[in-house]
Amino acid sequence: MKDFKFDRTAFKIQTFEEADAANIFDKETPYAERLRQAYYLISLAYGFSMSEQPKLDRKYFIIKKLGK
């Protein structure tokens, strides 16, 4: 197994003001844009493209009615 080292160049120490200015999800950003950006990051993390989305495997998800 390969040992991974912490990459100290990926992040930098910031003040609260600098970190707040770098935040792209501020209060003025609409929820639709926040969701679009989040979905883009999820697609990068799981390795699928936005145009070819994975299909839901229906054999693992079943809807049942509660009660009688």
N, C-alpha and C. Protein backbone atom coordinates (compact mmCIF):
# COMPACT_ATOMS: atom_id res chain seq x y z
N MET A 1 0.84 -1.18 0.00
CA MET A 1 0.00 0.00 0.00
C MET A 1 0.89 1.24 0.00
N LYS A 2 0.52 2.20 -0.80
CA LYS A 2 1.31 3.42 -0.94
C LYS A 2 1.01 4.39 0.19
N ASP A 3 2.05 4.98 0.77
CA ASP A 3 1.86 6.00 1.80
C ASP A 3 1.64 7.35 1.15
N PHE A 4 0.65 8.06 1.61
CA PHE A 4 0.36 9.39 1.08
C PHE A 4 0.87 10.43 2.05
N LYS A 5 1.43 11.48 1.50
CA LYS A 5 1.92 12.59 2.32
C LYS A 5 0.96 13.76 2.21
N PHE A 6 0.86 14.52 3.28
CA PHE A 6 -0.01 15.69 3.31
C PHE A 6 0.57 16.78 2.43
N ASP A 7 -0.23 17.27 1.48
CA ASP A 7 0.21 18.31 0.57
C ASP A 7 -0.03 19.67 1.22
N ARG A 8 1.02 20.28 1.72
CA ARG A 8 0.89 21.56 2.42
C ARG A 8 0.72 22.74 1.47
N THR A 9 0.90 22.53 0.18
CA THR A 9 0.75 23.63 -0.78
C THR A 9 -0.69 23.79 -1.24
N ALA A 10 -1.58 22.86 -0.91
CA ALA A 10 -2.96 22.92 -1.36
C ALA A 10 -3.77 23.98 -0.62
N PHE A 11 -3.37 24.27 0.61
CA PHE A 11 -4.11 25.22 1.44
C PHE A 11 -3.17 26.27 2.00
N LYS A 12 -3.72 27.38 2.41
CA LYS A 12 -2.90 28.40 3.04
C LYS A 12 -3.65 28.96 4.24
N ILE A 13 -2.89 29.49 5.18
CA ILE A 13 -3.49 30.09 6.37
C ILE A 13 -4.10 31.43 5.96
N GLN A 14 -5.36 31.65 6.36
CA GLN A 14 -6.07 32.86 6.01
C GLN A 14 -6.68 33.48 7.26
N THR A 15 -6.93 34.76 7.19
CA THR A 15 -7.70 35.41 8.24
C THR A 15 -9.17 35.13 8.00
N PHE A 16 -10.01 35.44 8.95
CA PHE A 16 -11.44 35.23 8.79
C PHE A 16 -11.99 36.07 7.64
N GLU A 17 -11.47 37.27 7.48
CA GLU A 17 -11.93 38.14 6.40
C GLU A 17 -11.56 37.58 5.03
N GLU A 18 -10.35 37.05 4.90
CA GLU A 18 -9.91 36.46 3.62
C GLU A 18 -10.72 35.21 3.29
N ALA A 19 -10.95 34.39 4.29
CA ALA A 19 -11.73 33.17 4.06
C ALA A 19 -13.17 33.50 3.70
N ASP A 20 -13.72 34.53 4.34
CA ASP A 20 -15.09 34.93 4.04
C ASP A 20 -15.20 35.49 2.63
N ALA A 21 -14.17 36.22 2.18
CA ALA A 21 -14.18 36.78 0.82
C ALA A 21 -14.01 35.68 -0.22
N ALA A 22 -13.33 34.59 0.11
CA ALA A 22 -13.10 33.50 -0.84
C ALA A 22 -14.29 32.54 -0.92
N ASN A 23 -15.24 32.66 -0.01
CA ASN A 23 -16.40 31.77 0.01
C ASN A 23 -17.31 32.07 -1.17
N ILE A 24 -17.53 31.07 -2.03
CA ILE A 24 -18.37 31.28 -3.22
C ILE A 24 -19.85 31.07 -2.91
N PHE A 25 -20.18 30.47 -1.76
CA PHE A 25 -21.57 30.22 -1.39
C PHE A 25 -22.01 31.28 -0.39
N ASP A 26 -22.07 32.53 -0.82
CA ASP A 26 -22.52 33.58 0.08
C ASP A 26 -24.04 33.67 0.04
N LYS A 27 -24.59 34.57 0.84
CA LYS A 27 -26.04 34.67 0.96
C LYS A 27 -26.72 35.18 -0.30
N GLU A 28 -25.99 35.88 -1.16
CA GLU A 28 -26.60 36.41 -2.38
C GLU A 28 -26.66 35.38 -3.51
N THR A 29 -25.94 34.27 -3.38
CA THR A 29 -25.95 33.23 -4.41
C THR A 29 -27.27 32.47 -4.34
N PRO A 30 -28.02 32.39 -5.43
CA PRO A 30 -29.31 31.67 -5.40
C PRO A 30 -29.11 30.16 -5.16
N TYR A 31 -30.13 29.55 -4.59
CA TYR A 31 -30.05 28.12 -4.28
C TYR A 31 -29.85 27.27 -5.52
N ALA A 32 -30.41 27.66 -6.64
CA ALA A 32 -30.25 26.89 -7.88
C ALA A 32 -28.79 26.86 -8.31
N GLU A 33 -28.09 27.98 -8.17
CA GLU A 33 -26.68 28.03 -8.52
C GLU A 33 -25.84 27.20 -7.54
N ARG A 34 -26.19 27.24 -6.26
CA ARG A 34 -25.48 26.43 -5.26
C ARG A 34 -25.64 24.95 -5.56
N LEU A 35 -26.86 24.54 -5.93
CA LEU A 35 -27.09 23.13 -6.27
C LEU A 35 -26.35 22.72 -7.53
N ARG A 36 -26.31 23.61 -8.52
CA ARG A 36 -25.58 23.30 -9.75
C ARG A 36 -24.10 23.11 -9.47
N GLN A 37 -23.52 23.97 -8.65
CA GLN A 37 -22.10 23.86 -8.32
C GLN A 37 -21.82 22.61 -7.50
N ALA A 38 -22.71 22.29 -6.56
CA ALA A 38 -22.55 21.09 -5.74
C ALA A 38 -22.64 19.84 -6.60
N TYR A 39 -23.59 19.81 -7.53
CA TYR A 39 -23.74 18.64 -8.41
C TYR A 39 -22.51 18.47 -9.30
N TYR A 40 -21.93 19.58 -9.73
CA TYR A 40 -20.71 19.52 -10.53
C TYR A 40 -19.57 18.91 -9.72
N LEU A 41 -19.42 19.32 -8.47
CA LEU A 41 -18.36 18.77 -7.63
C LEU A 41 -18.58 17.28 -7.34
N ILE A 42 -19.85 16.87 -7.16
CA ILE A 42 -20.16 15.46 -6.94
C ILE A 42 -19.83 14.65 -8.19
N SER A 43 -20.12 15.21 -9.37
CA SER A 43 -19.81 14.48 -10.61
C SER A 43 -18.30 14.32 -10.78
N LEU A 44 -17.52 15.30 -10.36
CA LEU A 44 -16.07 15.15 -10.42
C LEU A 44 -15.57 14.11 -9.43
N ALA A 45 -16.14 14.10 -8.23
CA ALA A 45 -15.70 13.18 -7.19
C ALA A 45 -16.00 11.73 -7.56
N TYR A 46 -17.16 11.48 -8.17
CA TYR A 46 -17.56 10.11 -8.49
C TYR A 46 -17.25 9.71 -9.93
N GLY A 47 -16.71 10.62 -10.72
CA GLY A 47 -16.21 10.27 -12.04
C GLY A 47 -17.26 10.08 -13.12
N PHE A 48 -18.36 10.79 -13.09
CA PHE A 48 -19.30 10.73 -14.20
C PHE A 48 -19.46 12.13 -14.78
N SER A 49 -19.87 12.18 -16.02
CA SER A 49 -20.01 13.48 -16.68
C SER A 49 -21.41 14.02 -16.47
N MET A 50 -21.56 15.31 -16.67
CA MET A 50 -22.87 15.93 -16.50
C MET A 50 -23.83 15.50 -17.61
N SER A 51 -23.31 15.18 -18.79
CA SER A 51 -24.17 14.78 -19.89
C SER A 51 -24.57 13.31 -19.81
N GLU A 52 -23.71 12.45 -19.27
CA GLU A 52 -24.01 11.02 -19.13
C GLU A 52 -24.09 10.67 -17.66
N GLN A 53 -25.26 10.87 -17.09
CA GLN A 53 -25.45 10.64 -15.67
C GLN A 53 -25.73 9.17 -15.40
N PRO A 54 -25.33 8.66 -14.23
CA PRO A 54 -25.58 7.25 -13.93
C PRO A 54 -27.06 6.99 -13.72
N LYS A 55 -27.49 5.79 -14.08
CA LYS A 55 -28.89 5.40 -13.92
C LYS A 55 -29.11 4.85 -12.51
N LEU A 56 -30.30 5.05 -11.98
CA LEU A 56 -30.67 4.54 -10.67
C LEU A 56 -30.95 3.05 -10.78
N ASP A 57 -30.31 2.25 -9.94
CA ASP A 57 -30.51 0.81 -9.94
C ASP A 57 -31.77 0.50 -9.14
N ARG A 58 -32.85 0.21 -9.82
CA ARG A 58 -34.17 0.06 -9.20
C ARG A 58 -34.29 -1.19 -8.33
N LYS A 59 -33.41 -2.17 -8.45
CA LYS A 59 -33.55 -3.37 -7.62
C LYS A 59 -33.11 -3.13 -6.18
N TYR A 60 -32.44 -2.02 -5.91
CA TYR A 60 -32.03 -1.69 -4.55
C TYR A 60 -32.96 -0.71 -3.87
N PHE A 61 -33.83 -0.06 -4.62
CA PHE A 61 -34.74 0.93 -4.06
C PHE A 61 -36.17 0.51 -4.35
N ILE A 62 -36.92 0.25 -3.29
CA ILE A 62 -38.30 -0.23 -3.42
C ILE A 62 -39.19 0.71 -2.63
N ILE A 63 -40.31 1.10 -3.20
CA ILE A 63 -41.28 1.95 -2.52
C ILE A 63 -42.39 1.05 -1.95
N LYS A 64 -42.62 1.18 -0.66
CA LYS A 64 -43.69 0.42 -0.01
C LYS A 64 -44.64 1.38 0.66
N LYS A 65 -45.92 1.05 0.68
CA LYS A 65 -46.93 1.86 1.34
C LYS A 65 -46.92 1.56 2.83
N LEU A 66 -47.02 2.62 3.62
CA LEU A 66 -47.11 2.43 5.07
C LEU A 66 -48.55 2.19 5.48
N GLY A 67 -48.75 1.37 6.46
CA GLY A 67 -50.11 1.11 6.95
C GLY A 67 -50.85 0.11 6.09
N LYS A 68 -52.19 0.06 6.27
CA LYS A 68 -53.00 -0.91 5.53
C LYS A 68 -53.70 -0.30 4.38
